[in-house]
Protein backbone atom coordinates (compact mmCIF):
# COMPACT_ATOMS: atom_id res chain seq x y z
CA MET A 1 -0.26 -0.04 -0.09
CA THR A 2 2.66 2.29 0.63
CA ALA A 3 4.59 1.76 -2.32
CA LEU A 4 1.47 2.27 -4.29
CA SER A 5 0.46 5.39 -2.41
CA GLY A 6 4.32 6.35 -2.73
CA GLY A 7 4.19 6.35 -6.86
CA MET A 8 1.27 8.33 -7.50
CA PRO A 9 1.96 11.99 -8.10
CA GLU A 10 0.34 14.53 -5.84
CA ALA A 11 -2.14 16.44 -7.15
CA GLN A 12 -0.67 20.30 -7.82
CA PRO A 13 -3.48 23.14 -6.70
CA LYS A 14 -4.98 24.84 -9.47
CA GLU A 15 -3.22 28.13 -10.17
CA ARG A 16 -5.86 31.11 -9.35
CA ARG A 17 -5.42 34.09 -11.42
CA ILE A 18 -7.20 37.37 -11.01
CA LEU A 19 -8.95 38.57 -14.69
CA LEU A 20 -9.64 42.29 -14.91
CA TRP A 21 -11.74 40.93 -18.02
CA PRO A 22 -14.84 39.34 -16.83
CA ARG A 23 -15.30 35.74 -17.92
CA GLY A 24 -19.19 35.99 -18.01
CA LEU A 25 -21.34 37.77 -20.76
CA VAL A 26 -23.15 39.73 -18.40
CA GLY A 27 -20.01 40.80 -16.24
CA ARG A 28 -18.60 42.00 -19.69
CA VAL A 29 -21.56 43.81 -20.64
CA MET A 30 -21.52 45.88 -17.29
CA PHE A 31 -17.86 46.33 -17.33
CA VAL A 32 -18.62 48.13 -20.75
CA LEU A 33 -21.26 50.21 -19.03
CA LEU A 34 -18.93 51.05 -16.41
CA ALA A 35 -16.10 52.20 -18.48
CA SER A 36 -18.58 54.45 -20.33
CA ILE A 37 -20.05 55.97 -17.13
CA GLY A 38 -16.58 56.28 -15.83
CA LEU A 39 -15.64 58.21 -18.78
CA VAL A 40 -18.50 60.29 -19.10
CA PHE A 41 -17.91 61.25 -15.42
CA VAL A 42 -14.53 62.59 -16.47
CA VAL A 43 -15.54 64.25 -19.34
CA SER A 44 -18.43 66.17 -17.30
CA TRP A 45 -15.73 66.85 -14.46
CA THR A 46 -13.40 68.73 -17.14
CA LEU A 47 -16.33 70.72 -18.42
CA TYR A 48 -17.76 71.76 -15.17
CA GLU A 49 -14.41 72.71 -14.32
CA HIS A 50 -13.97 74.96 -17.38
CA ALA A 51 -16.98 76.34 -16.74
CA GLU A 52 -16.14 77.39 -13.21
CA ILE A 53 -13.27 79.30 -14.94
CA TYR A 54 -15.65 80.57 -16.96
CA ILE A 55 -17.33 82.12 -14.13
CA GLU A 56 -14.38 83.23 -12.69
CA ASP A 57 -13.12 85.49 -16.01
CA ASP A 58 -16.55 87.17 -15.37
CA ASP A 59 -15.93 87.38 -11.83
CA ARG A 60 -12.22 88.82 -12.27
CA LEU A 61 -13.60 91.49 -14.64
CA GLY A 62 -16.23 93.13 -12.30
CA LEU A 63 -13.12 92.79 -9.43
CA ILE A 64 -10.88 94.89 -11.86
CA GLY A 65 -13.79 97.36 -12.46
CA GLU A 66 -14.36 98.12 -8.69
CA ARG A 67 -10.58 97.95 -8.17
CA LEU A 68 -10.33 100.71 -10.57
CA VAL A 69 -13.11 103.11 -9.12
CA THR A 70 -11.37 102.44 -5.49
CA ASP A 71 -8.26 103.32 -6.92
CA LEU A 72 -9.48 106.73 -8.53
CA ARG A 73 -11.01 107.54 -5.48
CA VAL A 74 -7.85 107.04 -3.43
CA LEU A 75 -5.53 108.96 -6.20
CA GLU A 76 -8.34 111.75 -6.08
CA GLY A 77 -7.64 112.12 -2.30
CA THR A 78 -3.96 112.31 -2.47
CA GLY A 79 -1.72 115.02 -3.38
CA PRO A 80 0.30 114.99 -6.62
CA SER A 81 3.65 114.31 -4.87
CA MET A 82 2.27 111.19 -3.30
CA ARG A 83 0.56 109.52 -6.45
CA PRO A 84 3.52 107.83 -7.55
CA VAL A 85 4.29 105.99 -4.63
CA LEU A 86 0.65 105.26 -4.09
CA ALA A 87 0.12 103.98 -7.73
CA THR A 88 3.21 101.44 -7.07
CA MET A 89 1.18 100.53 -3.39
CA LEU A 90 -2.10 99.94 -5.57
CA SER A 91 -0.60 97.70 -7.94
CA ASN A 92 -0.40 94.04 -7.92
CA GLY A 93 -0.62 90.76 -10.12
CA ASP A 94 -4.23 91.38 -11.50
CA LEU A 95 -3.74 95.11 -12.14
CA HIS A 96 -0.85 97.61 -12.59
CA ILE A 97 -1.34 101.11 -11.82
CA ASP A 98 0.90 103.86 -12.98
CA TRP A 99 0.11 107.86 -12.35
CA ARG A 100 1.23 110.08 -15.07
CA PRO A 101 0.92 114.11 -14.28
CA SER A 102 0.44 115.03 -18.17
CA ARG A 103 -0.80 113.54 -21.30
CA GLU A 104 1.71 112.09 -23.68
CA SER A 105 1.87 111.75 -27.21
CA ASP A 106 0.62 108.38 -27.56
CA ASP A 107 -2.68 108.76 -25.06
CA ASP A 108 -4.26 110.35 -27.99
CA VAL A 109 -4.68 107.17 -29.75
CA PRO A 110 -8.46 106.46 -30.13
CA GLU A 111 -10.04 103.22 -29.04
CA GLN A 112 -10.00 100.25 -31.29
CA PRO A 113 -13.73 99.07 -31.95
CA ARG A 114 -12.60 95.38 -30.87
CA PHE A 115 -12.87 96.79 -27.28
CA SER A 116 -16.02 98.27 -27.22
CA THR A 117 -17.67 95.24 -25.64
CA LEU A 118 -15.09 95.16 -22.73
CA HIS A 119 -15.70 98.93 -22.38
CA GLU A 120 -19.34 98.79 -22.49
CA GLN A 121 -19.35 95.97 -19.39
CA LEU A 122 -16.95 98.01 -17.38
CA VAL A 123 -18.94 101.24 -17.63
CA THR A 124 -21.88 99.76 -17.29
CA ALA A 125 -20.90 97.71 -13.93
CA ASN A 126 -19.04 100.91 -13.03
CA PRO A 127 -20.19 104.43 -14.25
CA MET A 128 -17.81 106.04 -12.83
CA LEU A 129 -15.31 104.95 -15.11
CA GLY A 130 -16.75 106.21 -17.74
CA GLN A 131 -17.15 109.73 -16.31
CA HIS A 132 -13.22 109.53 -15.96
CA GLY A 133 -13.11 108.82 -19.73
CA LEU A 134 -11.97 105.29 -19.63
CA ARG A 135 -10.16 104.31 -22.74
CA LEU A 136 -9.01 101.03 -23.55
CA GLN A 137 -5.89 99.92 -25.81
CA PRO A 138 -4.14 96.61 -26.85
CA GLY A 139 -1.45 95.22 -25.14
CA ARG A 140 2.16 94.77 -26.58
CA GLY A 141 1.90 92.29 -29.66
CA SER A 142 -0.84 89.56 -29.14
CA ASP A 143 -0.83 89.45 -25.58
CA PRO A 144 -3.90 88.97 -24.07
CA ASP A 145 -3.50 92.09 -21.76
CA VAL A 146 -5.23 95.34 -21.90
CA ASN A 147 -3.80 98.87 -21.41
CA GLY A 148 -6.47 101.25 -20.39
CA MET A 149 -6.35 105.30 -19.31
CA LEU A 150 -8.58 107.05 -16.81
CA MET A 151 -8.43 110.96 -16.39
CA LEU A 152 -8.55 112.43 -12.94
CA SER A 153 -10.41 116.08 -12.24
CA ASP A 154 -7.03 117.51 -12.26
CA GLY A 155 -6.13 116.74 -15.98
CA SER A 156 -3.66 114.11 -14.76
CA LEU A 157 -3.76 110.34 -16.24
CA VAL A 158 -4.10 106.76 -14.52
CA HIS A 159 -2.53 104.22 -16.50
CA PHE A 160 -3.09 100.44 -15.89
CA THR A 161 -2.83 97.14 -17.18
CA ALA A 162 -5.22 94.29 -16.58
CA PRO A 163 -2.77 91.13 -17.71
CA ASP A 164 -4.12 88.08 -19.50
CA ILE A 165 -7.70 89.64 -19.34
CA LEU A 166 -8.40 88.94 -23.14
CA ARG A 167 -7.66 85.19 -22.79
CA THR A 168 -9.89 82.59 -24.67
CA HIS A 169 -12.60 81.25 -22.43
CA LEU A 170 -11.74 77.79 -21.77
CA VAL A 171 -15.43 76.44 -21.90
CA THR A 172 -15.16 76.55 -25.63
CA ARG A 173 -12.12 74.45 -25.11
CA GLY A 174 -13.95 72.38 -22.58
CA LEU A 175 -16.63 71.63 -25.14
CA VAL A 176 -14.22 70.51 -27.68
CA THR A 177 -12.76 68.23 -25.44
CA ALA A 178 -15.95 67.07 -24.29
CA ALA A 179 -16.73 66.28 -28.19
CA ILE A 180 -13.48 64.61 -28.84
CA VAL A 181 -14.03 62.61 -25.25
CA SER A 182 -17.40 61.49 -26.32
CA LEU A 183 -16.29 60.30 -29.53
CA ALA A 184 -13.70 58.28 -27.91
CA VAL A 185 -16.28 57.01 -25.45
CA LEU A 186 -18.31 55.76 -28.30
CA LEU A 187 -15.73 54.24 -30.45
CA ALA A 188 -14.59 52.49 -27.37
CA ALA A 189 -17.91 51.21 -26.57
CA ALA A 190 -18.77 50.18 -30.37
CA MET A 191 -15.20 48.22 -30.28
CA LEU A 192 -16.02 46.58 -27.06
CA VAL A 193 -19.51 45.55 -28.06
CA HIS A 194 -18.40 44.49 -31.51
CA THR A 195 -15.77 42.37 -29.60
CA LEU A 196 -18.56 40.78 -27.53
CA SER A 197 -20.96 39.75 -30.61
CA LEU A 198 -18.00 38.45 -32.66
CA PRO A 199 -18.90 35.01 -30.94
CA LEU A 200 -22.47 35.51 -31.25
CA ARG A 201 -22.10 35.91 -34.97
CA ALA A 202 -20.17 32.74 -35.27
CA LEU A 203 -22.87 30.73 -33.47
CA ALA A 204 -25.16 32.14 -35.96
CA THR A 205 -23.34 31.10 -38.90
CA VAL A 206 -22.75 27.86 -37.72
CA ALA A 207 -26.23 27.27 -36.98
CA ASP A 208 -27.41 28.10 -40.29
CA THR A 209 -25.17 25.08 -41.42
CA VAL A 210 -26.55 22.79 -38.81
CA GLY A 211 -27.88 19.51 -40.65
CA SER A 212 -26.25 20.64 -44.20
CA GLY A 213 -23.18 18.45 -44.12
CA GLU A 214 -21.00 21.19 -44.23
CA TRP A 215 -19.47 22.45 -40.69
CA GLU A 216 -16.63 23.26 -38.63
CA PRO A 217 -16.53 22.87 -34.98
CA LEU A 218 -17.21 25.79 -33.52
CA ALA A 219 -14.31 27.45 -31.31
CA GLU A 220 -15.16 27.31 -27.50
CA ARG A 221 -14.17 30.71 -26.62
CA GLY A 222 -15.65 34.12 -25.41
CA PRO A 223 -17.73 34.70 -22.35
CA ARG A 224 -18.69 31.58 -20.35
CA GLU A 225 -22.31 31.77 -21.45
CA VAL A 226 -21.25 31.69 -25.08
CA ARG A 227 -18.66 28.91 -24.77
CA ARG A 228 -21.46 26.74 -23.17
CA LEU A 229 -23.53 27.19 -25.93
CA ALA A 230 -20.68 26.57 -28.60
CA HIS A 231 -20.17 23.40 -26.94
CA ALA A 232 -23.67 22.44 -26.77
CA ILE A 233 -23.87 23.36 -31.08
CA ASN A 234 -21.09 21.23 -31.42
CA ALA A 235 -22.19 18.18 -29.91
CA MET A 236 -25.80 18.82 -31.37
CA GLN A 237 -23.86 18.95 -34.67
CA GLU A 238 -22.07 15.76 -34.45
CA ARG A 239 -25.36 13.90 -33.21
CA ILE A 240 -27.22 15.52 -36.40
CA THR A 241 -24.09 14.09 -38.43
CA HIS A 242 -24.27 10.68 -37.14
CA LEU A 243 -27.91 10.12 -37.55
CA ILE A 244 -27.71 11.47 -41.47
CA ASP A 245 -24.77 9.29 -41.89
CA ASP A 246 -26.46 6.16 -40.50
CA ARG A 247 -29.72 7.11 -42.50
CA THR A 248 -27.58 7.51 -45.43
CA GLU A 249 -25.54 4.28 -45.19
CA ALA A 250 -28.44 2.14 -44.27
CA LEU A 251 -30.37 3.55 -47.49
CA ALA A 252 -27.08 3.16 -49.61
CA ALA A 253 -26.82 -0.89 -48.32
CA VAL A 254 -30.44 -1.37 -48.90
CA SER A 255 -30.74 -0.14 -51.97
CA HIS A 256 -27.16 -1.60 -53.62
CA ASP A 257 -28.39 -5.17 -52.23
CA LEU A 258 -31.66 -5.05 -53.90
CA ARG A 259 -29.86 -5.24 -57.23
CA THR A 260 -29.05 -8.80 -56.77
CA PRO A 261 -32.52 -9.99 -56.33
CA LEU A 262 -34.00 -7.85 -58.84
CA ALA A 263 -31.23 -9.71 -61.15
CA ARG A 264 -32.45 -12.85 -60.34
CA LEU A 265 -36.04 -12.06 -60.67
CA LYS A 266 -35.38 -10.49 -64.08
CA LEU A 267 -33.45 -13.85 -65.20
CA ARG A 268 -36.60 -15.96 -64.09
CA ALA A 269 -38.81 -14.08 -65.77
CA GLY A 270 -37.11 -14.82 -69.19
CA PHE A 271 -38.57 -18.49 -68.44
CA LEU A 272 -41.85 -17.66 -68.13
CA ALA A 273 -44.31 -19.23 -70.80
CA ASP A 274 -46.85 -16.35 -70.54
CA GLU A 275 -45.61 -13.55 -72.57
CA GLU A 276 -47.84 -10.96 -71.30
CA ALA A 277 -46.88 -11.74 -67.65
CA GLN A 278 -43.35 -11.72 -68.42
CA GLU A 279 -43.65 -8.10 -69.87
CA ALA A 280 -45.17 -7.10 -67.16
CA ILE A 281 -43.04 -8.39 -64.49
CA GLU A 282 -39.87 -7.04 -66.73
CA ALA A 283 -41.71 -3.45 -66.60
CA ASP A 284 -42.02 -3.80 -62.55
CA ILE A 285 -38.22 -4.91 -62.39
CA VAL A 286 -36.79 -1.97 -64.90
CA GLU A 287 -39.33 0.31 -62.75
CA MET A 288 -37.46 -0.85 -59.32
CA GLU A 289 -34.06 -0.76 -61.10
CA ALA A 290 -34.65 2.79 -61.95
CA MET A 291 -35.79 3.79 -58.55
CA VAL A 292 -32.59 1.92 -56.79
CA GLY A 293 -30.43 3.81 -59.39
CA GLY A 294 -32.09 7.15 -58.47
CA VAL A 295 -31.42 6.48 -54.43
CA LEU A 296 -28.17 5.53 -54.91
CA ALA A 297 -27.38 8.50 -57.01
CA TYR A 298 -28.83 10.81 -54.49
CA LEU A 299 -27.21 9.64 -51.63
CA ALA A 300 -23.89 9.33 -53.46
CA GLY A 301 -24.21 13.07 -54.09
CA GLU A 302 -25.08 13.42 -50.02
CA LYS A 303 -21.94 11.42 -49.04
CA LYS A 304 -19.30 13.13 -51.36
CA ARG A 305 -19.37 16.76 -52.80
CA GLU A 306 -17.35 17.48 -56.24
CA GLU A 307 -15.04 20.25 -56.68
CA PRO A 308 -15.47 23.04 -59.20
CA ARG A 309 -13.51 22.90 -61.89
CA SER A 310 -13.08 25.05 -65.41
CA MET A 311 -15.77 23.61 -67.85
CA ASP A 312 -17.41 25.11 -70.82
CA LEU A 313 -21.22 25.05 -69.87
CA ALA A 314 -22.65 25.78 -73.04
CA ALA A 315 -20.64 22.66 -74.76
CA MET A 316 -22.19 20.67 -71.78
CA LEU A 317 -25.70 22.08 -72.60
CA SER A 318 -25.42 21.33 -76.45
CA THR A 319 -24.49 17.96 -75.64
CA ILE A 320 -27.34 17.06 -73.48
CA ALA A 321 -29.62 18.26 -76.19
CA ASP A 322 -27.53 16.42 -78.93
CA ASP A 323 -27.71 13.19 -77.18
CA ALA A 324 -31.44 13.77 -76.60
CA ALA A 325 -31.88 14.35 -80.28
CA ASP A 326 -30.03 11.06 -81.24
CA ARG A 327 -32.60 9.04 -79.19
CA GLY A 328 -35.27 10.74 -80.90
CA ASP A 329 -36.42 13.30 -78.48
CA ASN A 330 -37.35 16.84 -79.37
CA VAL A 331 -34.57 19.04 -77.35
CA VAL A 332 -33.41 22.61 -78.75
CA TYR A 333 -30.64 24.55 -77.34
CA ASP A 334 -30.48 28.29 -77.62
CA GLY A 335 -27.65 29.72 -76.56
CA PRO A 336 -23.98 30.45 -77.01
CA ASP A 337 -21.11 28.49 -78.59
CA ARG A 338 -18.90 28.76 -75.77
CA LEU A 339 -19.47 29.60 -72.27
CA PRO A 340 -16.38 28.87 -69.58
CA VAL A 341 -17.37 28.53 -66.07
CA ARG A 342 -15.85 27.09 -63.07
CA LEU A 343 -18.44 24.81 -61.58
CA PRO A 344 -18.73 20.99 -60.26
CA GLN A 345 -19.03 19.65 -63.98
CA LEU A 346 -20.77 15.89 -62.97
CA SER A 347 -23.17 17.56 -60.59
CA MET A 348 -23.96 20.42 -63.02
CA LYS A 349 -24.61 17.68 -65.67
CA ARG A 350 -26.82 15.33 -63.41
CA ALA A 351 -28.96 18.60 -62.91
CA PHE A 352 -29.50 19.52 -66.06
CA THR A 353 -30.08 16.03 -67.44
CA ASN A 354 -32.84 15.76 -64.84
CA LEU A 355 -34.59 19.08 -65.60
CA VAL A 356 -34.51 17.59 -69.50
CA GLU A 357 -35.87 14.32 -68.54
CA ASN A 358 -38.34 15.94 -66.67
CA ALA A 359 -39.66 17.66 -69.55
CA LEU A 360 -39.47 15.16 -71.77
CA ASN A 361 -41.53 12.70 -69.14
CA TYR A 362 -44.44 15.27 -68.67
CA ALA A 363 -44.33 17.34 -72.26
CA GLY A 364 -42.33 15.10 -74.69
CA SER A 365 -40.22 17.99 -75.75
CA ALA A 366 -37.83 20.57 -74.10
CA THR A 367 -36.05 23.88 -74.94
CA ILE A 368 -32.82 25.17 -72.96
CA SER A 369 -31.89 28.76 -73.31
CA VAL A 370 -28.99 30.59 -71.97
CA GLN A 371 -28.38 34.12 -71.36
CA GLU A 372 -25.83 36.29 -69.60
CA THR A 373 -27.09 39.08 -67.30
CA ALA A 374 -25.27 41.56 -64.66
CA GLY A 375 -23.10 38.85 -63.88
CA TRP A 376 -25.16 35.71 -63.67
CA ILE A 377 -25.89 33.07 -66.19
CA VAL A 378 -29.61 32.22 -66.29
CA VAL A 379 -30.40 28.87 -67.91
CA ASP A 380 -33.90 28.16 -68.55
CA VAL A 381 -35.51 24.81 -69.44
CA GLU A 382 -39.12 24.99 -70.83
CA ASP A 383 -41.83 22.52 -71.90
CA ASP A 384 -45.48 22.87 -73.02
CA GLY A 385 -46.57 20.24 -70.57
CA PRO A 386 -49.40 20.37 -68.16
CA GLY A 387 -47.23 22.17 -65.52
CA ILE A 388 -47.38 21.99 -61.56
CA PRO A 389 -50.20 23.25 -59.58
CA ASP A 390 -49.44 26.35 -57.78
CA THR A 391 -49.87 24.70 -54.54
CA GLU A 392 -47.47 21.79 -55.35
CA ILE A 393 -44.90 24.03 -56.97
CA GLU A 394 -42.77 24.45 -53.66
CA ARG A 395 -42.87 21.21 -52.45
CA VAL A 396 -41.58 18.85 -55.62
CA THR A 397 -38.14 19.91 -54.85
CA THR A 398 -38.39 17.71 -51.55
CA PRO A 399 -36.85 14.38 -51.63
CA PHE A 400 -39.26 11.87 -52.48
CA TYR A 401 -41.97 13.81 -53.22
CA ARG A 402 -44.53 13.50 -55.92
CA VAL A 403 -47.25 15.10 -57.26
CA GLU A 404 -50.40 12.92 -56.96
CA SER A 405 -51.08 13.04 -60.79
CA SER A 406 -47.59 12.01 -61.61
CA ARG A 407 -47.51 8.25 -59.90
CA SER A 408 -47.27 6.44 -63.18
CA ARG A 409 -44.53 4.25 -64.23
CA LYS A 410 -43.76 6.59 -67.11
CA THR A 411 -43.35 9.73 -64.97
CA GLY A 412 -43.77 8.86 -61.28
CA GLY A 413 -40.26 8.10 -60.23
CA LEU A 414 -39.22 8.30 -56.82
CA GLY A 415 -39.46 12.40 -56.76
CA LEU A 416 -35.69 12.69 -56.46
CA GLY A 417 -34.97 14.42 -59.98
CA LEU A 418 -35.78 17.94 -58.88
CA ALA A 419 -34.52 17.33 -55.50
CA ILE A 420 -31.05 16.71 -56.75
CA VAL A 421 -31.58 19.75 -59.29
CA LYS A 422 -32.02 21.90 -56.26
CA ARG A 423 -29.42 20.51 -53.87
CA GLU A 424 -26.63 20.62 -56.69
CA VAL A 425 -27.37 24.34 -57.87
CA GLU A 426 -27.39 25.33 -54.13
CA ARG A 427 -24.21 23.98 -53.72
CA ALA A 428 -22.63 25.76 -56.76
CA ALA A 429 -23.76 29.13 -54.84
CA GLY A 430 -26.87 29.43 -57.63
CA THR A 431 -30.72 29.66 -57.23
CA PHE A 432 -33.44 27.52 -58.74
CA LEU A 433 -36.71 28.40 -59.59
CA LEU A 434 -39.98 26.49 -60.62
CA GLU A 435 -42.80 28.65 -62.28
CA ASN A 436 -45.59 28.04 -64.46
CA ARG A 437 -45.40 29.68 -67.94
CA PRO A 438 -48.48 32.41 -69.00
CA ALA A 439 -48.87 30.30 -72.27
CA GLY A 440 -48.86 26.98 -70.49
CA GLY A 441 -45.91 24.65 -69.58
CA LEU A 442 -43.13 24.61 -66.91
CA ARG A 443 -40.01 26.94 -66.92
CA ALA A 444 -37.17 25.51 -64.89
CA ARG A 445 -34.59 28.53 -63.97
CA VAL A 446 -31.00 28.33 -62.86
CA SER A 447 -28.94 31.16 -62.11
CA LEU A 448 -25.46 30.62 -61.56
CA ARG A 449 -22.72 33.12 -61.21
CA ALA A 450 -20.62 34.09 -63.83
CA GLY A 451 -17.50 34.74 -61.91
């Protein structure tokens, strides 16, 4: 017991990792929403901060006007000898004051029109500034400073400089920043949602191929719920594939094994003395052999698909018409002499042969016409027969389905001819349409891509 227990490896503890990206779909959606709310909060905070700066700019302008009024009153009540020192004392970082006893040459420069709004704001809030002849001038170069001048009652001048008062209000830049960040939030959210939806779109694509025989196992990745769904779809697809394979193999085995007893029946029928009974039995055997051949042909197409290759569609269709004419049937081909395409040759030949034989069985004649339109090749096989009832036209392409009125030895068959046509045309990325002609008869239209 000791030796056995000593030889077994010890179970290693699972490594635990802290994942910032949630595993579940709900968690990921909540993460996206939380990230978006966080970004919006940052944008709002930035915008409100800039709005406060905008309000501070207006308050600062009002304070400068009040200070100018106060400084005027102080300088008016002070003698000329003390005014230069007092002006220096009244100056600070927001407002620089300079007293001058007389007018200088540059003091007569008129106020520029672009300062009219600022001038009006200052005078409206403080009428005393207008009484003392307020004039505003730009600072040096493109500086946002504003220079101004006021006249005292004795004719002396008070020059002042308000630095950085013409700066652009940051709320405008805040709006631009908010717009940029909002677009970034939208882009980030769209990318995250797109990433979240990729596994779902892959699931939809695989679900469309369920039971068709063409599928690849779905990658089991993504959120936890999506991984479980992908695993369930893969398991379901495997079960469906096994069921279809079992059904196909069983039908193929039965159909193949029927050939031997049919051959024996045909041989024994040849020894019958009653010629009428012999002909009836041989006709039944021929019909059964045709049924067996049809089933095997249908199942062969289900089991294995033919790869497309270069071929001449016009040559193939004209050959089908010529072979039918050699047998004494009335088949006419109307189309180009050459039409190179890339298609599964044997499958397409079987499909068009079925259409021609269907027309011959019901109408005794067929017309094959070909035309190219907008990147598509349209092949029509038309006949002058009785057509198909409108209530049945959607069902006749179902395997083993036959219209009730066609259950005769000559025309009935197993109901696989049109089913084979639809299957092969759709595999070639084409479309198959049956419709009754206004003048009578049936039109079978096959549309294939020219490229």
